[in-house]
């Protein structure tokens, strides 16, 4: 940092008013500030708000804000593509098919009204009076994805798993009932894609993703299904059996 010095003789020899002396001091300080700014800029290889950087920069793993999202399919939102991860996954699937001669089975369990700490692998299970050994085994031997969100109603989450779309995109924000418009009718669904890849698809249990004909399981990609019927309680309320 530059140092600005004044000699007492300089001030004594200056036959000027106090204002002139103040101007002299201000000018000297301004020169020092300018010199400091030049030195600081010269030392700052990362540039400034008005100049480019000459530094190499840093590699921040798992930071993707600088990447451009792409749409994986026409019916999907743009996402950040992780080509290396995709290649690894495709390689593992190809190795499995060469080893077994077939593609892996895919099973999706969707449970309503399950609290975070209900299953044993999240601290519940026997601790809350209900062991979950099968769920614990699947979790301990598999991959647990914990960064997600849900909705206050079952239908949006179900339809999101079926379509890969945000609820505001697929539009199923509550259970559609009894021939009411709305549902999976016309949507590109997971079972419909799997069928094109040679899979046999089957669904069982609660549906709640549209009751009109086009939204029924057999019309959105399922070869076979056993949906739980709906029951009218006589008061205008429809419940799952």
C-alpha atoms as a PDB file:
ATOM      1  CA  UNK A   1       0.000   0.000   0.000  1.00  0.00           C
ATOM      2  CA  UNK A   2       1.506   3.427  -0.919  1.00  0.00           C
ATOM      3  CA  UNK A   3       2.328   5.810   1.918  1.00  0.00           C
ATOM      4  CA  UNK A   4       1.762   9.579   1.552  1.00  0.00           C
ATOM      5  CA  UNK A   5       4.090  11.721   3.726  1.00  0.00           C
ATOM      6  CA  UNK A   6       3.918  15.438   4.516  1.00  0.00           C
ATOM      7  CA  UNK A   7       6.830  17.416   5.903  1.00  0.00           C
ATOM      8  CA  UNK A   8       6.035  20.114   8.394  1.00  0.00           C
ATOM      9  CA  UNK A   9       8.255  22.485   6.413  1.00  0.00           C
ATOM     10  CA  UNK A  10       6.018  21.963   3.369  1.00  0.00           C
ATOM     11  CA  UNK A  11       3.029  23.178   5.321  1.00  0.00           C
ATOM     12  CA  UNK A  12       4.953  26.047   6.945  1.00  0.00           C
ATOM     13  CA  UNK A  13       6.291  27.236   3.618  1.00  0.00           C
ATOM     14  CA  UNK A  14       2.854  27.273   2.157  1.00  0.00           C
ATOM     15  CA  UNK A  15       1.581  30.778   2.520  1.00  0.00           C
ATOM     16  CA  UNK A  16      -1.927  29.781   1.664  1.00  0.00           C
ATOM     17  CA  UNK A  17      -5.236  29.813   3.328  1.00  0.00           C
ATOM     18  CA  UNK A  18      -6.690  26.901   5.255  1.00  0.00           C
ATOM     19  CA  UNK A  19      -8.843  26.061   2.238  1.00  0.00           C
ATOM     20  CA  UNK A  20      -5.765  25.743   0.043  1.00  0.00           C
ATOM     21  CA  UNK A  21      -4.077  23.472   2.550  1.00  0.00           C
ATOM     22  CA  UNK A  22      -7.210  21.341   2.717  1.00  0.00           C
ATOM     23  CA  UNK A  23      -7.231  21.127  -1.079  1.00  0.00           C
ATOM     24  CA  UNK A  24      -3.592  20.083  -1.027  1.00  0.00           C
ATOM     25  CA  UNK A  25      -4.313  17.314   1.468  1.00  0.00           C
ATOM     26  CA  UNK A  26      -7.410  16.151  -0.455  1.00  0.00           C
ATOM     27  CA  UNK A  27      -5.444  16.051  -3.684  1.00  0.00           C
ATOM     28  CA  UNK A  28      -2.702  13.993  -2.080  1.00  0.00           C
ATOM     29  CA  UNK A  29      -5.245  11.550  -0.647  1.00  0.00           C
ATOM     30  CA  UNK A  30      -6.961  11.286  -4.019  1.00  0.00           C
ATOM     31  CA  UNK A  31      -3.640  10.462  -5.663  1.00  0.00           C
ATOM     32  CA  UNK A  32      -3.010   7.807  -3.006  1.00  0.00           C
ATOM     33  CA  UNK A  33      -6.469   6.301  -3.568  1.00  0.00           C
ATOM     34  CA  UNK A  34      -5.888   6.222  -7.330  1.00  0.00           C
ATOM     35  CA  UNK A  35      -2.521   4.542  -6.806  1.00  0.00           C
ATOM     36  CA  UNK A  36      -4.076   2.013  -4.421  1.00  0.00           C
ATOM     37  CA  UNK A  37      -6.850   1.280  -6.922  1.00  0.00           C
ATOM     38  CA  UNK A  38      -4.300   0.659  -9.678  1.00  0.00           C
ATOM     39  CA  UNK A  39      -2.256  -1.612  -7.454  1.00  0.00           C
ATOM     40  CA  UNK A  40      -5.357  -3.524  -6.315  1.00  0.00           C
ATOM     41  CA  UNK A  41      -6.566  -3.980  -9.883  1.00  0.00           C
ATOM     42  CA  UNK A  42      -3.149  -5.178 -10.980  1.00  0.00           C
ATOM     43  CA  UNK A  43      -3.149  -7.772  -8.204  1.00  0.00           C
ATOM     44  CA  UNK A  44      -6.719  -8.922  -8.865  1.00  0.00           C
ATOM     45  CA  UNK A  45      -6.297 -11.501 -11.641  1.00  0.00           C
ATOM     46  CA  UNK A  46     -10.003 -12.206 -11.447  1.00  0.00           C
ATOM     47  CA  UNK A  47     -10.731  -8.876 -13.085  1.00  0.00           C
ATOM     48  CA  UNK A  48     -13.429  -6.454 -12.000  1.00  0.00           C
ATOM     49  CA  UNK A  49     -16.998  -5.580 -12.762  1.00  0.00           C
ATOM     50  CA  UNK A  50     -15.829  -3.897 -15.973  1.00  0.00           C
ATOM     51  CA  UNK A  51     -13.050  -6.217 -17.076  1.00  0.00           C
ATOM     52  CA  UNK A  52     -12.542  -9.884 -17.956  1.00  0.00           C
ATOM     53  CA  UNK A  53     -10.823 -12.369 -15.690  1.00  0.00           C
ATOM     54  CA  UNK A  54      -7.514 -14.005 -16.469  1.00  0.00           C
ATOM     55  CA  UNK A  55      -7.785 -16.592 -13.702  1.00  0.00           C
ATOM     56  CA  UNK A  56      -8.307 -20.233 -14.522  1.00  0.00           C
ATOM     57  CA  UNK A  57     -11.318 -20.530 -12.238  1.00  0.00           C
ATOM     58  CA  UNK A  58     -12.539 -23.352 -10.041  1.00  0.00           C
ATOM     59  CA  UNK A  59     -14.309 -26.649 -10.629  1.00  0.00           C
ATOM     60  CA  UNK A  60     -17.401 -26.874  -8.433  1.00  0.00           C
ATOM     61  CA  UNK A  61     -18.717 -30.460  -8.366  1.00  0.00           C
ATOM     62  CA  UNK A  62     -22.500 -30.859  -8.406  1.00  0.00           C
ATOM     63  CA  UNK A  63     -22.977 -27.240  -9.487  1.00  0.00           C
ATOM     64  CA  UNK A  64     -24.980 -26.977 -12.718  1.00  0.00           C
ATOM     65  CA  UNK A  65     -26.251 -23.390 -12.831  1.00  0.00           C
ATOM     66  CA  UNK A  66     -23.975 -22.674 -15.794  1.00  0.00           C
ATOM     67  CA  UNK A  67     -25.394 -25.543 -17.873  1.00  0.00           C
ATOM     68  CA  UNK A  68     -28.270 -25.240 -20.312  1.00  0.00           C
ATOM     69  CA  UNK A  69     -31.243 -27.537 -19.615  1.00  0.00           C
ATOM     70  CA  UNK A  70     -32.610 -29.758 -22.378  1.00  0.00           C
ATOM     71  CA  UNK A  71     -35.919 -31.550 -22.812  1.00  0.00           C
ATOM     72  CA  UNK A  72     -35.494 -35.336 -22.533  1.00  0.00           C
ATOM     73  CA  UNK A  73     -38.806 -35.790 -24.394  1.00  0.00           C
ATOM     74  CA  UNK A  74     -41.529 -33.659 -25.949  1.00  0.00           C
ATOM     75  CA  UNK A  75     -43.807 -34.158 -22.950  1.00  0.00           C
ATOM     76  CA  UNK A  76     -41.134 -33.350 -20.348  1.00  0.00           C
ATOM     77  CA  UNK A  77     -39.779 -30.199 -18.754  1.00  0.00           C
ATOM     78  CA  UNK A  78     -36.182 -29.208 -19.582  1.00  0.00           C
ATOM     79  CA  UNK A  79     -33.667 -30.747 -17.180  1.00  0.00           C
ATOM     80  CA  UNK A  80     -29.929 -30.681 -16.649  1.00  0.00           C
ATOM     81  CA  UNK A  81     -28.484 -33.592 -18.639  1.00  0.00           C
ATOM     82  CA  UNK A  82     -25.946 -35.760 -16.824  1.00  0.00           C
ATOM     83  CA  UNK A  83     -24.468 -37.626 -19.771  1.00  0.00           C
ATOM     84  CA  UNK A  84     -21.877 -39.529 -17.729  1.00  0.00           C
ATOM     85  CA  UNK A  85     -24.485 -40.842 -15.305  1.00  0.00           C
ATOM     86  CA  UNK A  86     -26.785 -41.793 -18.178  1.00  0.00           C
ATOM     87  CA  UNK A  87     -23.991 -43.700 -19.913  1.00  0.00           C
ATOM     88  CA  UNK A  88     -23.176 -45.549 -16.687  1.00  0.00           C
ATOM     89  CA  UNK A  89     -26.828 -46.519 -16.200  1.00  0.00           C
ATOM     90  CA  UNK A  90     -27.188 -47.698 -19.802  1.00  0.00           C
ATOM     91  CA  UNK A  91     -23.988 -49.703 -19.434  1.00  0.00           C
ATOM     92  CA  UNK A  92     -25.257 -51.444 -16.297  1.00  0.00           C
ATOM     93  CA  UNK A  93     -28.567 -52.285 -17.960  1.00  0.00           C
ATOM     94  CA  UNK A  94     -26.766 -53.657 -21.019  1.00  0.00           C
ATOM     95  CA  UNK A  95     -24.489 -55.788 -18.815  1.00  0.00           C
ATOM     96  CA  UNK A  96     -27.505 -57.163 -16.955  1.00  0.00           C
ATOM     97  CA  UNK A  97     -29.297 -58.031 -20.195  1.00  0.00           C
ATOM     98  CA  UNK A  98     -26.204 -59.813 -21.544  1.00  0.00           C
ATOM     99  CA  UNK A  99     -25.894 -61.741 -18.289  1.00  0.00           C
ATOM    100  CA  UNK A 100     -29.545 -62.743 -17.807  1.00  0.00           C
ATOM    101  CA  UNK A 101     -30.881 -62.518 -21.339  1.00  0.00           C
ATOM    102  CA  UNK A 102     -33.707 -60.195 -20.317  1.00  0.00           C
ATOM    103  CA  UNK A 103     -34.463 -56.707 -19.118  1.00  0.00           C
ATOM    104  CA  UNK A 104     -34.926 -56.019 -15.388  1.00  0.00           C
ATOM    105  CA  UNK A 105     -38.362 -56.131 -13.804  1.00  0.00           C
ATOM    106  CA  UNK A 106     -39.731 -52.798 -12.588  1.00  0.00           C
ATOM    107  CA  UNK A 107     -42.043 -52.689  -9.564  1.00  0.00           C
ATOM    108  CA  UNK A 108     -43.470 -49.465  -8.146  1.00  0.00           C
ATOM    109  CA  UNK A 109     -45.110 -49.421  -4.699  1.00  0.00           C
ATOM    110  CA  UNK A 110     -47.031 -46.257  -3.869  1.00  0.00           C
ATOM    111  CA  UNK A 111     -48.425 -45.911  -0.351  1.00  0.00           C
ATOM    112  CA  UNK A 112     -50.890 -43.272   0.790  1.00  0.00           C
ATOM    113  CA  UNK A 113     -50.745 -41.587   4.195  1.00  0.00           C
ATOM    114  CA  UNK A 114     -47.312 -42.891   5.185  1.00  0.00           C
ATOM    115  CA  UNK A 115     -45.363 -40.699   7.578  1.00  0.00           C
ATOM    116  CA  UNK A 116     -41.617 -40.175   7.135  1.00  0.00           C
ATOM    117  CA  UNK A 117     -40.762 -42.156  10.285  1.00  0.00           C
ATOM    118  CA  UNK A 118     -43.313 -44.958   9.807  1.00  0.00           C
ATOM    119  CA  UNK A 119     -40.934 -47.479   8.133  1.00  0.00           C
ATOM    120  CA  UNK A 120     -38.048 -48.959  10.064  1.00  0.00           C
ATOM    121  CA  UNK A 121     -35.305 -47.689   7.752  1.00  0.00           C
ATOM    122  CA  UNK A 122     -36.302 -44.118   8.684  1.00  0.00           C
ATOM    123  CA  UNK A 123     -36.322 -44.770  12.414  1.00  0.00           C
ATOM    124  CA  UNK A 124     -39.855 -46.152  12.745  1.00  0.00           C
ATOM    125  CA  UNK A 125     -40.881 -49.759  12.286  1.00  0.00           C
ATOM    126  CA  UNK A 126     -40.708 -51.682  15.551  1.00  0.00           C
ATOM    127  CA  UNK A 127     -39.977 -48.431  17.386  1.00  0.00           C
ATOM    128  CA  UNK A 128     -43.520 -47.246  16.623  1.00  0.00           C
ATOM    129  CA  UNK A 129     -45.148 -50.641  17.024  1.00  0.00           C
ATOM    130  CA  UNK A 130     -45.160 -51.873  13.426  1.00  0.00           C
ATOM    131  CA  UNK A 131     -42.174 -53.710  11.942  1.00  0.00           C
ATOM    132  CA  UNK A 132     -41.459 -53.214   8.220  1.00  0.00           C
ATOM    133  CA  UNK A 133     -38.820 -55.876   7.421  1.00  0.00           C
ATOM    134  CA  UNK A 134     -39.525 -56.064   3.678  1.00  0.00           C
ATOM    135  CA  UNK A 135     -39.404 -52.310   3.213  1.00  0.00           C
ATOM    136  CA  UNK A 136     -36.254 -52.131   5.321  1.00  0.00           C
ATOM    137  CA  UNK A 137     -34.564 -54.814   3.210  1.00  0.00           C
ATOM    138  CA  UNK A 138     -35.416 -53.061  -0.034  1.00  0.00           C
ATOM    139  CA  UNK A 139     -34.167 -49.743   1.335  1.00  0.00           C
ATOM    140  CA  UNK A 140     -30.955 -51.118   2.799  1.00  0.00           C
ATOM    141  CA  UNK A 141     -30.052 -52.962  -0.396  1.00  0.00           C
ATOM    142  CA  UNK A 142     -31.118 -50.201  -2.766  1.00  0.00           C
ATOM    143  CA  UNK A 143     -30.921 -46.474  -3.349  1.00  0.00           C
ATOM    144  CA  UNK A 144     -32.870 -44.058  -1.140  1.00  0.00           C
ATOM    145  CA  UNK A 145     -33.886 -40.792  -2.793  1.00  0.00           C
ATOM    146  CA  UNK A 146     -34.758 -38.217  -0.161  1.00  0.00           C
ATOM    147  CA  UNK A 147     -34.937 -34.969  -2.142  1.00  0.00           C
ATOM    148  CA  UNK A 148     -38.568 -34.844  -3.210  1.00  0.00           C
ATOM    149  CA  UNK A 149     -41.914 -33.277  -2.423  1.00  0.00           C
ATOM    150  CA  UNK A 150     -45.493 -34.465  -2.258  1.00  0.00           C
ATOM    151  CA  UNK A 151     -48.958 -32.964  -2.454  1.00  0.00           C
ATOM    152  CA  UNK A 152     -51.947 -32.931  -0.058  1.00  0.00           C
ATOM    153  CA  UNK A 153     -53.887 -35.313  -2.315  1.00  0.00           C
ATOM    154  CA  UNK A 154     -52.978 -38.753  -3.652  1.00  0.00           C
ATOM    155  CA  UNK A 155     -53.851 -38.190  -7.304  1.00  0.00           C
ATOM    156  CA  UNK A 156     -51.182 -35.594  -8.176  1.00  0.00           C
ATOM    157  CA  UNK A 157     -48.372 -37.806  -6.855  1.00  0.00           C
ATOM    158  CA  UNK A 158     -49.734 -40.889  -8.612  1.00  0.00           C
ATOM    159  CA  UNK A 159     -50.060 -39.079 -11.921  1.00  0.00           C
ATOM    160  CA  UNK A 160     -46.574 -37.598 -11.558  1.00  0.00           C
ATOM    161  CA  UNK A 161     -45.060 -41.077 -11.177  1.00  0.00           C
ATOM    162  CA  UNK A 162     -47.067 -42.242 -14.192  1.00  0.00           C
ATOM    163  CA  UNK A 163     -46.134 -39.308 -16.446  1.00  0.00           C
ATOM    164  CA  UNK A 164     -42.908 -37.848 -15.023  1.00  0.00           C
ATOM    165  CA  UNK A 165     -44.573 -34.438 -15.064  1.00  0.00           C
ATOM    166  CA  UNK A 166     -45.114 -31.774 -12.437  1.00  0.00           C
ATOM    167  CA  UNK A 167     -48.741 -31.801 -11.138  1.00  0.00           C
ATOM    168  CA  UNK A 168     -49.330 -28.340 -12.596  1.00  0.00           C
ATOM    169  CA  UNK A 169     -48.286 -29.777 -15.960  1.00  0.00           C
ATOM    170  CA  UNK A 170     -50.361 -32.969 -16.068  1.00  0.00           C
ATOM    171  CA  UNK A 171     -53.250 -31.115 -14.390  1.00  0.00           C
ATOM    172  CA  UNK A 172     -54.496 -33.857 -12.057  1.00  0.00           C
ATOM    173  CA  UNK A 173     -54.709 -31.916  -8.807  1.00  0.00           C
ATOM    174  CA  UNK A 174     -57.424 -34.013  -7.143  1.00  0.00           C
ATOM    175  CA  UNK A 175     -59.116 -37.387  -7.748  1.00  0.00           C
ATOM    176  CA  UNK A 176     -61.315 -37.181 -10.892  1.00  0.00           C
ATOM    177  CA  UNK A 177     -64.604 -39.012 -10.332  1.00  0.00           C
ATOM    178  CA  UNK A 178     -67.257 -40.960 -12.289  1.00  0.00           C
ATOM    179  CA  UNK A 179     -66.739 -40.060 -15.925  1.00  0.00           C
ATOM    180  CA  UNK A 180     -65.651 -36.553 -15.054  1.00  0.00           C
ATOM    181  CA  UNK A 181     -63.280 -35.018 -17.616  1.00  0.00           C
ATOM    182  CA  UNK A 182     -59.657 -35.005 -16.614  1.00  0.00           C
ATOM    183  CA  UNK A 183     -57.184 -37.753 -15.915  1.00  0.00           C
ATOM    184  CA  UNK A 184     -54.481 -39.620 -17.785  1.00  0.00           C
ATOM    185  CA  UNK A 185     -56.511 -39.652 -21.002  1.00  0.00           C
ATOM    186  CA  UNK A 186     -54.105 -38.853 -23.856  1.00  0.00           C
ATOM    187  CA  UNK A 187     -51.009 -38.591 -21.642  1.00  0.00           C
ATOM    188  CA  UNK A 188     -47.714 -40.365 -22.351  1.00  0.00           C
ATOM    189  CA  UNK A 189     -47.376 -42.752 -19.431  1.00  0.00           C
ATOM    190  CA  UNK A 190     -44.686 -45.003 -18.005  1.00  0.00           C
ATOM    191  CA  UNK A 191     -46.543 -48.266 -18.812  1.00  0.00           C
ATOM    192  CA  UNK A 192     -47.217 -47.155 -22.387  1.00  0.00           C
ATOM    193  CA  UNK A 193     -43.485 -46.548 -22.900  1.00  0.00           C
ATOM    194  CA  UNK A 194     -42.577 -49.867 -21.261  1.00  0.00           C
ATOM    195  CA  UNK A 195     -44.977 -51.710 -23.564  1.00  0.00           C
ATOM    196  CA  UNK A 196     -43.130 -50.322 -26.587  1.00  0.00           C
ATOM    197  CA  UNK A 197     -39.911 -51.706 -25.070  1.00  0.00           C
ATOM    198  CA  UNK A 198     -41.368 -55.197 -24.855  1.00  0.00           C
ATOM    199  CA  UNK A 199     -42.582 -55.208 -21.262  1.00  0.00           C
ATOM    200  CA  UNK A 200     -45.804 -56.750 -19.999  1.00  0.00           C
ATOM    201  CA  UNK A 201     -47.478 -54.207 -17.740  1.00  0.00           C
ATOM    202  CA  UNK A 202     -49.855 -54.738 -14.838  1.00  0.00           C
ATOM    203  CA  UNK A 203     -51.458 -52.468 -12.281  1.00  0.00           C
ATOM    204  CA  UNK A 204     -53.265 -53.297  -9.076  1.00  0.00           C
ATOM    205  CA  UNK A 205     -54.880 -51.383  -6.249  1.00  0.00           C
ATOM    206  CA  UNK A 206     -56.179 -47.876  -5.940  1.00  0.00           C
ATOM    207  CA  UNK A 207     -56.413 -45.845  -9.162  1.00  0.00           C
ATOM    208  CA  UNK A 208     -57.672 -42.263  -8.712  1.00  0.00           C
ATOM    209  CA  UNK A 209     -56.172 -40.983 -11.972  1.00  0.00           C
ATOM    210  CA  UNK A 210     -59.344 -40.554 -13.967  1.00  0.00           C
ATOM    211  CA  UNK A 211     -62.645 -42.445 -14.224  1.00  0.00           C
ATOM    212  CA  UNK A 212     -63.542 -41.537 -17.797  1.00  0.00           C
ATOM    213  CA  UNK A 213     -62.981 -44.256 -20.388  1.00  0.00           C
ATOM    214  CA  UNK A 214     -59.792 -42.814 -21.854  1.00  0.00           C
ATOM    215  CA  UNK A 215     -58.181 -42.632 -18.412  1.00  0.00           C
ATOM    216  CA  UNK A 216     -58.848 -46.213 -17.349  1.00  0.00           C
ATOM    217  CA  UNK A 217     -55.796 -48.462 -16.804  1.00  0.00           C
ATOM    218  CA  UNK A 218     -56.284 -50.546 -19.955  1.00  0.00           C
ATOM    219  CA  UNK A 219     -56.334 -47.354 -22.047  1.00  0.00           C
ATOM    220  CA  UNK A 220     -53.170 -45.753 -20.678  1.00  0.00           C
ATOM    221  CA  UNK A 221     -50.734 -48.606 -21.175  1.00  0.00           C
ATOM    222  CA  UNK A 222     -51.644 -51.469 -18.845  1.00  0.00           C
ATOM    223  CA  UNK A 223     -52.032 -54.962 -20.302  1.00  0.00           C
ATOM    224  CA  UNK A 224     -53.819 -56.089 -17.162  1.00  0.00           C
ATOM    225  CA  UNK A 225     -55.131 -54.331 -14.083  1.00  0.00           C
ATOM    226  CA  UNK A 226     -57.091 -54.902 -10.910  1.00  0.00           C
ATOM    227  CA  UNK A 227     -58.094 -51.440  -9.794  1.00  0.00           C
ATOM    228  CA  UNK A 228     -59.851 -50.963  -6.477  1.00  0.00           C
ATOM    229  CA  UNK A 229     -63.470 -49.914  -7.143  1.00  0.00           C
ATOM    230  CA  UNK A 230     -64.998 -46.768  -5.747  1.00  0.00           C
ATOM    231  CA  UNK A 231     -67.910 -46.731  -3.335  1.00  0.00           C
ATOM    232  CA  UNK A 232     -70.517 -44.025  -2.872  1.00  0.00           C
ATOM    233  CA  UNK A 233     -71.314 -43.693   0.822  1.00  0.00           C
ATOM    234  CA  UNK A 234     -74.796 -42.356   0.011  1.00  0.00           C
ATOM    235  CA  UNK A 235     -73.934 -38.819   1.056  1.00  0.00           C
ATOM    236  CA  UNK A 236     -72.286 -37.779  -2.178  1.00  0.00           C
ATOM    237  CA  UNK A 237     -68.832 -38.757  -0.969  1.00  0.00           C
ATOM    238  CA  UNK A 238     -66.829 -41.313  -2.941  1.00  0.00           C
ATOM    239  CA  UNK A 239     -64.331 -43.478  -1.092  1.00  0.00           C
ATOM    240  CA  UNK A 240     -61.916 -46.220  -2.065  1.00  0.00           C
ATOM    241  CA  UNK A 241     -62.722 -49.684  -0.837  1.00  0.00           C
END
